[in-house]
């Protein structure tokens, strides 16, 4: 804010040249004060911003660590579950395999009995001729 005029009684005492010099001095001091305030405010803002960014970085690091831990736990649970399912599947496949072999032997035995019966009937027919 610039000082525009010096009151008349003061101008009369100081004179025009001194009044103008006084106005310039006050304006210069005012500009310097304004610049200092702006500089200090900027420095304070930067310092505060740096502190807040550091806090945010720390918080992000904490969240990442918690997420990594949680993901690791969930992966371990999934691995255990997969292992359990694989074990059940292996057991079931083994049971089915045993059932198939059992039925194969029953089928083969039945086939052998039928073949032996047909062969014995065949030999009886040809031996009686």
N, C-alpha and C. Protein backbone atom coordinates (compact mmCIF):
# COMPACT_ATOMS: atom_id res chain seq x y z
N UNK A 1 0.85 -1.15 0.00
CA UNK A 1 0.00 0.00 0.00
C UNK A 1 0.90 1.23 0.00
N UNK A 2 0.68 2.06 -0.97
CA UNK A 2 1.48 3.28 -1.13
C UNK A 2 0.88 4.41 -0.31
N UNK A 3 1.76 5.24 0.25
CA UNK A 3 1.29 6.44 0.95
C UNK A 3 1.20 7.53 -0.10
N UNK A 4 0.03 8.15 -0.19
CA UNK A 4 -0.22 9.09 -1.26
C UNK A 4 0.12 10.53 -0.88
N UNK A 5 -0.23 10.91 0.30
CA UNK A 5 -0.03 12.32 0.65
C UNK A 5 0.38 12.45 2.11
N UNK A 6 1.13 13.49 2.38
CA UNK A 6 1.53 13.83 3.75
C UNK A 6 0.62 15.00 4.16
N UNK A 7 0.09 14.93 5.37
CA UNK A 7 -0.79 16.03 5.80
C UNK A 7 -0.10 17.39 5.67
N UNK A 8 -0.89 18.41 5.42
CA UNK A 8 -0.39 19.77 5.15
C UNK A 8 0.47 20.31 6.28
N UNK A 9 0.07 20.17 7.56
CA UNK A 9 0.94 20.74 8.60
C UNK A 9 2.33 20.10 8.60
N UNK A 10 2.39 18.80 8.37
CA UNK A 10 3.69 18.13 8.33
C UNK A 10 4.47 18.54 7.09
N UNK A 11 3.81 18.71 5.97
CA UNK A 11 4.47 19.12 4.73
C UNK A 11 5.03 20.53 4.90
N UNK A 12 4.27 21.38 5.59
CA UNK A 12 4.76 22.75 5.83
C UNK A 12 6.02 22.74 6.67
N UNK A 13 6.06 21.88 7.68
CA UNK A 13 7.24 21.81 8.57
C UNK A 13 8.44 21.20 7.85
N UNK A 14 8.21 20.13 7.07
CA UNK A 14 9.31 19.41 6.44
C UNK A 14 9.72 20.01 5.10
N UNK A 15 8.79 20.50 4.40
CA UNK A 15 9.07 20.98 3.06
C UNK A 15 8.70 19.91 2.05
N UNK A 16 8.58 20.32 0.80
CA UNK A 16 8.12 19.39 -0.23
C UNK A 16 9.12 18.26 -0.49
N UNK A 17 10.38 18.64 -0.59
CA UNK A 17 11.40 17.64 -0.91
C UNK A 17 11.54 16.62 0.22
N UNK A 18 11.55 17.05 1.46
CA UNK A 18 11.67 16.14 2.60
C UNK A 18 10.41 15.29 2.72
N UNK A 19 9.25 15.86 2.45
CA UNK A 19 8.00 15.10 2.52
C UNK A 19 8.01 13.98 1.48
N UNK A 20 8.45 14.32 0.26
CA UNK A 20 8.52 13.29 -0.79
C UNK A 20 9.51 12.19 -0.42
N UNK A 21 10.64 12.58 0.16
CA UNK A 21 11.64 11.60 0.59
C UNK A 21 11.08 10.72 1.70
N UNK A 22 10.33 11.32 2.63
CA UNK A 22 9.71 10.56 3.71
C UNK A 22 8.71 9.55 3.15
N UNK A 23 7.94 9.97 2.18
CA UNK A 23 6.97 9.07 1.56
C UNK A 23 7.69 7.91 0.87
N UNK A 24 8.76 8.21 0.15
CA UNK A 24 9.53 7.15 -0.51
C UNK A 24 10.10 6.18 0.51
N UNK A 25 10.63 6.71 1.62
CA UNK A 25 11.20 5.86 2.67
C UNK A 25 10.14 4.95 3.29
N UNK A 26 8.98 5.52 3.57
CA UNK A 26 7.90 4.71 4.15
C UNK A 26 7.43 3.65 3.15
N UNK A 27 7.28 4.03 1.89
CA UNK A 27 6.87 3.06 0.87
C UNK A 27 7.89 1.94 0.69
N UNK A 28 9.18 2.32 0.71
CA UNK A 28 10.24 1.32 0.59
C UNK A 28 10.21 0.36 1.77
N UNK A 29 10.05 0.91 2.98
CA UNK A 29 9.98 0.06 4.17
C UNK A 29 8.75 -0.86 4.09
N UNK A 30 7.66 -0.32 3.59
CA UNK A 30 6.43 -1.11 3.47
C UNK A 30 6.62 -2.25 2.47
N UNK A 31 7.25 -1.96 1.31
CA UNK A 31 7.53 -3.00 0.33
C UNK A 31 8.46 -4.07 0.89
N UNK A 32 9.49 -3.64 1.60
CA UNK A 32 10.45 -4.58 2.19
C UNK A 32 9.74 -5.47 3.21
N UNK A 33 8.90 -4.89 4.03
CA UNK A 33 8.15 -5.66 5.03
C UNK A 33 7.24 -6.67 4.34
N UNK A 34 6.58 -6.23 3.28
CA UNK A 34 5.69 -7.12 2.53
C UNK A 34 6.48 -8.28 1.93
N UNK A 35 7.63 -7.97 1.34
CA UNK A 35 8.47 -9.03 0.77
C UNK A 35 8.93 -10.00 1.84
N UNK A 36 9.33 -9.47 3.01
CA UNK A 36 9.77 -10.34 4.10
C UNK A 36 8.65 -11.25 4.59
N UNK A 37 7.46 -10.68 4.69
CA UNK A 37 6.31 -11.48 5.13
C UNK A 37 6.00 -12.57 4.12
N UNK A 38 6.05 -12.22 2.84
CA UNK A 38 5.79 -13.21 1.79
C UNK A 38 6.85 -14.31 1.82
N UNK A 39 8.12 -13.92 1.98
CA UNK A 39 9.21 -14.89 2.03
C UNK A 39 9.06 -15.81 3.23
N UNK A 40 8.79 -15.25 4.40
CA UNK A 40 8.62 -16.07 5.60
C UNK A 40 7.40 -16.98 5.49
N UNK A 41 6.34 -16.46 4.92
CA UNK A 41 5.13 -17.28 4.75
C UNK A 41 5.41 -18.44 3.79
N UNK A 42 6.14 -18.15 2.72
CA UNK A 42 6.50 -19.20 1.77
C UNK A 42 7.37 -20.27 2.41
N UNK A 43 8.36 -19.83 3.20
CA UNK A 43 9.23 -20.79 3.88
C UNK A 43 8.44 -21.64 4.88
N UNK A 44 7.55 -20.99 5.61
CA UNK A 44 6.74 -21.72 6.58
C UNK A 44 5.83 -22.72 5.86
N UNK A 45 5.26 -22.31 4.74
CA UNK A 45 4.40 -23.18 3.96
C UNK A 45 5.19 -24.39 3.44
N UNK A 46 6.38 -24.14 2.90
CA UNK A 46 7.21 -25.23 2.39
C UNK A 46 7.60 -26.19 3.50
N UNK A 47 7.96 -25.66 4.67
CA UNK A 47 8.33 -26.51 5.80
C UNK A 47 7.14 -27.37 6.23
N UNK A 48 5.98 -26.75 6.32
CA UNK A 48 4.77 -27.49 6.71
C UNK A 48 4.41 -28.54 5.67
N UNK A 49 4.54 -28.16 4.40
CA UNK A 49 4.25 -29.09 3.33
C UNK A 49 5.20 -30.29 3.38
N UNK A 50 6.47 -30.03 3.64
CA UNK A 50 7.46 -31.10 3.76
C UNK A 50 7.10 -32.03 4.91
N UNK A 51 6.70 -31.46 6.04
CA UNK A 51 6.31 -32.28 7.19
C UNK A 51 5.09 -33.15 6.86
N UNK A 52 4.11 -32.57 6.21
CA UNK A 52 2.90 -33.31 5.88
C UNK A 52 3.19 -34.41 4.86
N UNK A 53 4.05 -34.12 3.91
CA UNK A 53 4.41 -35.14 2.92
C UNK A 53 5.15 -36.29 3.60
N UNK A 54 6.03 -35.96 4.56
CA UNK A 54 6.74 -37.00 5.30
C UNK A 54 5.75 -37.86 6.10
N UNK A 55 4.77 -37.23 6.73
CA UNK A 55 3.75 -37.99 7.47
C UNK A 55 2.97 -38.89 6.53
N UNK A 56 2.63 -38.35 5.37
CA UNK A 56 1.88 -39.13 4.39
C UNK A 56 2.72 -40.31 3.88
N UNK A 57 4.00 -40.07 3.64
CA UNK A 57 4.88 -41.16 3.22
C UNK A 57 4.94 -42.26 4.28
N UNK A 58 5.05 -41.85 5.55
CA UNK A 58 5.07 -42.83 6.64
C UNK A 58 3.77 -43.63 6.67
N UNK A 59 2.67 -42.95 6.51
CA UNK A 59 1.37 -43.62 6.54
C UNK A 59 1.25 -44.60 5.37
N UNK A 60 1.70 -44.17 4.19
CA UNK A 60 1.66 -45.05 3.03
C UNK A 60 2.52 -46.29 3.27
N UNK A 61 3.69 -46.09 3.87
CA UNK A 61 4.58 -47.21 4.17
C UNK A 61 3.91 -48.18 5.13
N UNK A 62 3.23 -47.65 6.15
CA UNK A 62 2.51 -48.50 7.10
C UNK A 62 1.41 -49.30 6.41
N UNK A 63 0.65 -48.63 5.56
CA UNK A 63 -0.44 -49.31 4.86
C UNK A 63 0.12 -50.38 3.94
N UNK A 64 1.20 -50.08 3.24
CA UNK A 64 1.82 -51.08 2.36
C UNK A 64 2.27 -52.29 3.16
N UNK A 65 2.87 -52.05 4.33
CA UNK A 65 3.34 -53.16 5.16
C UNK A 65 2.16 -54.02 5.61
N UNK A 66 1.07 -53.37 6.02
CA UNK A 66 -0.12 -54.12 6.45
C UNK A 66 -0.71 -54.91 5.29
N UNK A 67 -0.75 -54.29 4.11
CA UNK A 67 -1.28 -54.99 2.94
C UNK A 67 -0.40 -56.18 2.56
N UNK A 68 0.92 -55.98 2.60
CA UNK A 68 1.83 -57.09 2.29
C UNK A 68 1.62 -58.24 3.26
N UNK A 69 1.47 -57.91 4.55
CA UNK A 69 1.25 -58.95 5.57
C UNK A 69 -0.06 -59.67 5.30
N UNK A 70 -1.10 -58.91 5.02
CA UNK A 70 -2.42 -59.50 4.78
C UNK A 70 -2.40 -60.37 3.53
N UNK A 71 -1.76 -59.89 2.48
CA UNK A 71 -1.68 -60.67 1.24
C UNK A 71 -0.92 -61.97 1.49
N UNK A 72 0.18 -61.88 2.25
CA UNK A 72 0.95 -63.08 2.57
C UNK A 72 0.10 -64.09 3.34
N UNK A 73 -0.67 -63.60 4.31
CA UNK A 73 -1.55 -64.49 5.08
C UNK A 73 -2.59 -65.14 4.18
N UNK A 74 -3.19 -64.37 3.30
CA UNK A 74 -4.22 -64.92 2.41
C UNK A 74 -3.63 -65.92 1.43
N UNK A 75 -2.44 -65.65 0.93
CA UNK A 75 -1.78 -66.60 0.03
C UNK A 75 -1.49 -67.90 0.76
N UNK A 76 -1.06 -67.81 2.03
CA UNK A 76 -0.80 -69.01 2.81
C UNK A 76 -2.09 -69.80 3.02
N UNK A 77 -3.19 -69.10 3.31
CA UNK A 77 -4.48 -69.78 3.47
C UNK A 77 -4.89 -70.48 2.18
N UNK A 78 -4.71 -69.78 1.06
CA UNK A 78 -5.06 -70.38 -0.23
C UNK A 78 -4.19 -71.60 -0.54
N UNK A 79 -2.91 -71.50 -0.22
CA UNK A 79 -2.01 -72.64 -0.43
C UNK A 79 -2.46 -73.85 0.39
N UNK A 80 -2.85 -73.59 1.66
CA UNK A 80 -3.33 -74.68 2.52
C UNK A 80 -4.62 -75.28 1.95
N UNK A 81 -5.50 -74.42 1.52
CA UNK A 81 -6.78 -74.90 0.97
C UNK A 81 -6.53 -75.72 -0.30
N UNK A 82 -5.65 -75.25 -1.16
CA UNK A 82 -5.33 -75.99 -2.39
C UNK A 82 -4.73 -77.35 -2.05
N UNK A 83 -3.86 -77.38 -1.04
CA UNK A 83 -3.25 -78.65 -0.62
C UNK A 83 -4.32 -79.61 -0.12
N UNK A 84 -5.29 -79.10 0.65
CA UNK A 84 -6.37 -79.95 1.15
C UNK A 84 -7.21 -80.50 -0.01
N UNK A 85 -7.54 -79.65 -0.95
CA UNK A 85 -8.35 -80.08 -2.09
C UNK A 85 -7.58 -81.11 -2.92
N UNK A 86 -6.29 -80.88 -3.12
CA UNK A 86 -5.48 -81.85 -3.87
C UNK A 86 -5.46 -83.20 -3.17
N UNK A 87 -5.34 -83.18 -1.84
CA UNK A 87 -5.32 -84.44 -1.09
C UNK A 87 -6.65 -85.17 -1.24
N UNK A 88 -7.76 -84.42 -1.16
CA UNK A 88 -9.08 -85.06 -1.31
C UNK A 88 -9.25 -85.61 -2.72
N UNK A 89 -8.78 -84.86 -3.71
CA UNK A 89 -8.88 -85.33 -5.09
C UNK A 89 -8.04 -86.59 -5.31
N UNK A 90 -6.82 -86.59 -4.77
CA UNK A 90 -5.97 -87.78 -4.89
C UNK A 90 -6.65 -88.99 -4.26
N UNK A 91 -7.26 -88.81 -3.08
CA UNK A 91 -7.94 -89.90 -2.40
C UNK A 91 -9.12 -90.39 -3.24
N UNK A 92 -9.90 -89.46 -3.76
CA UNK A 92 -11.07 -89.83 -4.55
C UNK A 92 -10.66 -90.54 -5.85
N UNK A 93 -9.61 -90.03 -6.49
CA UNK A 93 -9.10 -90.67 -7.72
C UNK A 93 -8.64 -92.09 -7.41
N UNK A 94 -7.98 -92.28 -6.29
CA UNK A 94 -7.52 -93.62 -5.89
C UNK A 94 -8.71 -94.54 -5.67
N UNK A 95 -9.76 -94.04 -5.01
CA UNK A 95 -10.95 -94.85 -4.78
C UNK A 95 -11.62 -95.23 -6.10
N UNK A 96 -11.76 -94.27 -7.00
CA UNK A 96 -12.38 -94.55 -8.30
C UNK A 96 -11.54 -95.56 -9.08
N UNK A 97 -10.23 -95.39 -9.02
CA UNK A 97 -9.33 -96.30 -9.72
C UNK A 97 -9.50 -97.72 -9.19
N UNK A 98 -9.61 -97.87 -7.87
CA UNK A 98 -9.81 -99.19 -7.28
C UNK A 98 -11.15 -99.77 -7.71
N UNK A 99 -12.19 -98.95 -7.75
CA UNK A 99 -13.50 -99.43 -8.19
C UNK A 99 -13.45 -99.88 -9.64
N UNK A 100 -12.77 -99.13 -10.47
CA UNK A 100 -12.66 -99.50 -11.89
C UNK A 100 -11.95 -100.84 -12.04
N UNK A 101 -10.87 -101.03 -11.31
CA UNK A 101 -10.13 -102.30 -11.39
C UNK A 101 -11.01 -103.45 -10.91
N UNK A 102 -11.76 -103.23 -9.83
CA UNK A 102 -12.67 -104.27 -9.31
C UNK A 102 -13.70 -104.65 -10.37
N UNK A 103 -14.33 -103.68 -10.99
CA UNK A 103 -15.34 -103.97 -12.00
C UNK A 103 -14.73 -104.59 -13.26
N UNK A 104 -13.49 -104.22 -13.57
CA UNK A 104 -12.82 -104.84 -14.71
C UNK A 104 -12.62 -106.34 -14.46
N UNK A 105 -12.19 -106.69 -13.24
CA UNK A 105 -11.99 -108.11 -12.92
C UNK A 105 -13.33 -108.86 -12.95
N UNK A 106 -14.39 -108.22 -12.44
CA UNK A 106 -15.70 -108.86 -12.47
C UNK A 106 -16.13 -109.07 -13.93
N UNK A 107 -15.93 -108.08 -14.78
CA UNK A 107 -16.28 -108.20 -16.20
C UNK A 107 -15.46 -109.30 -16.87
N UNK A 108 -14.14 -109.35 -16.60
CA UNK A 108 -13.29 -110.37 -17.20
C UNK A 108 -13.69 -111.76 -16.73
N UNK A 109 -14.00 -111.86 -15.45
CA UNK A 109 -14.41 -113.18 -14.93
C UNK A 109 -15.70 -113.61 -15.63
N UNK A 110 -16.64 -112.67 -15.77
CA UNK A 110 -17.89 -113.01 -16.46
C UNK A 110 -17.63 -113.40 -17.90
N UNK A 111 -16.75 -112.71 -18.57
CA UNK A 111 -16.42 -113.03 -19.96
C UNK A 111 -15.78 -114.42 -20.05
N UNK A 112 -14.90 -114.72 -19.10
CA UNK A 112 -14.24 -116.03 -19.12
C UNK A 112 -15.27 -117.14 -18.92
N UNK A 113 -16.21 -116.91 -18.01
CA UNK A 113 -17.24 -117.91 -17.75
C UNK A 113 -18.09 -118.12 -19.01
N UNK A 114 -18.47 -117.03 -19.66
CA UNK A 114 -19.28 -117.14 -20.87
C UNK A 114 -18.49 -117.85 -21.97
N UNK A 115 -17.23 -117.49 -22.14
CA UNK A 115 -16.41 -118.14 -23.18
C UNK A 115 -16.25 -119.63 -22.89
N UNK A 116 -16.01 -119.97 -21.63
CA UNK A 116 -15.87 -121.40 -21.27
C UNK A 116 -17.18 -122.13 -21.53
N UNK A 117 -18.31 -121.51 -21.19
CA UNK A 117 -19.62 -122.16 -21.43
C UNK A 117 -19.85 -122.36 -22.91
N UNK A 118 -19.54 -121.33 -23.72
CA UNK A 118 -19.72 -121.45 -25.18
C UNK A 118 -18.80 -122.52 -25.73
N UNK A 119 -17.57 -122.55 -25.27
CA UNK A 119 -16.60 -123.55 -25.76
C UNK A 119 -17.05 -124.97 -25.36
N UNK A 120 -17.51 -125.13 -24.13
CA UNK A 120 -17.93 -126.47 -23.73
C UNK A 120 -19.17 -126.90 -24.50
N UNK A 121 -20.11 -125.99 -24.76
CA UNK A 121 -21.27 -126.30 -25.57
C UNK A 121 -20.84 -126.63 -27.00
N UNK A 122 -19.90 -125.90 -27.52
CA UNK A 122 -19.38 -126.12 -28.85
C UNK A 122 -18.74 -127.52 -28.94
N UNK A 123 -17.92 -127.89 -27.94
CA UNK A 123 -17.27 -129.20 -27.96
C UNK A 123 -18.30 -130.33 -27.77
N UNK A 124 -19.33 -130.11 -26.99
CA UNK A 124 -20.36 -131.14 -26.80
C UNK A 124 -21.13 -131.39 -28.10
N UNK A 125 -21.42 -130.30 -28.79
CA UNK A 125 -22.14 -130.44 -30.05
C UNK A 125 -21.30 -131.19 -31.09
N UNK A 126 -20.04 -130.87 -31.20
CA UNK A 126 -19.18 -131.49 -32.21
C UNK A 126 -18.76 -132.89 -31.80
N UNK A 127 -18.69 -133.16 -30.52
CA UNK A 127 -18.31 -134.51 -30.09
C UNK A 127 -19.51 -135.47 -30.21
N UNK A 128 -20.68 -134.95 -30.17
CA UNK A 128 -21.85 -135.82 -30.30
C UNK A 128 -22.16 -136.11 -31.77
N UNK A 129 -21.63 -135.46 -32.68
CA UNK A 129 -21.88 -135.72 -34.09
C UNK A 129 -21.17 -136.89 -34.54
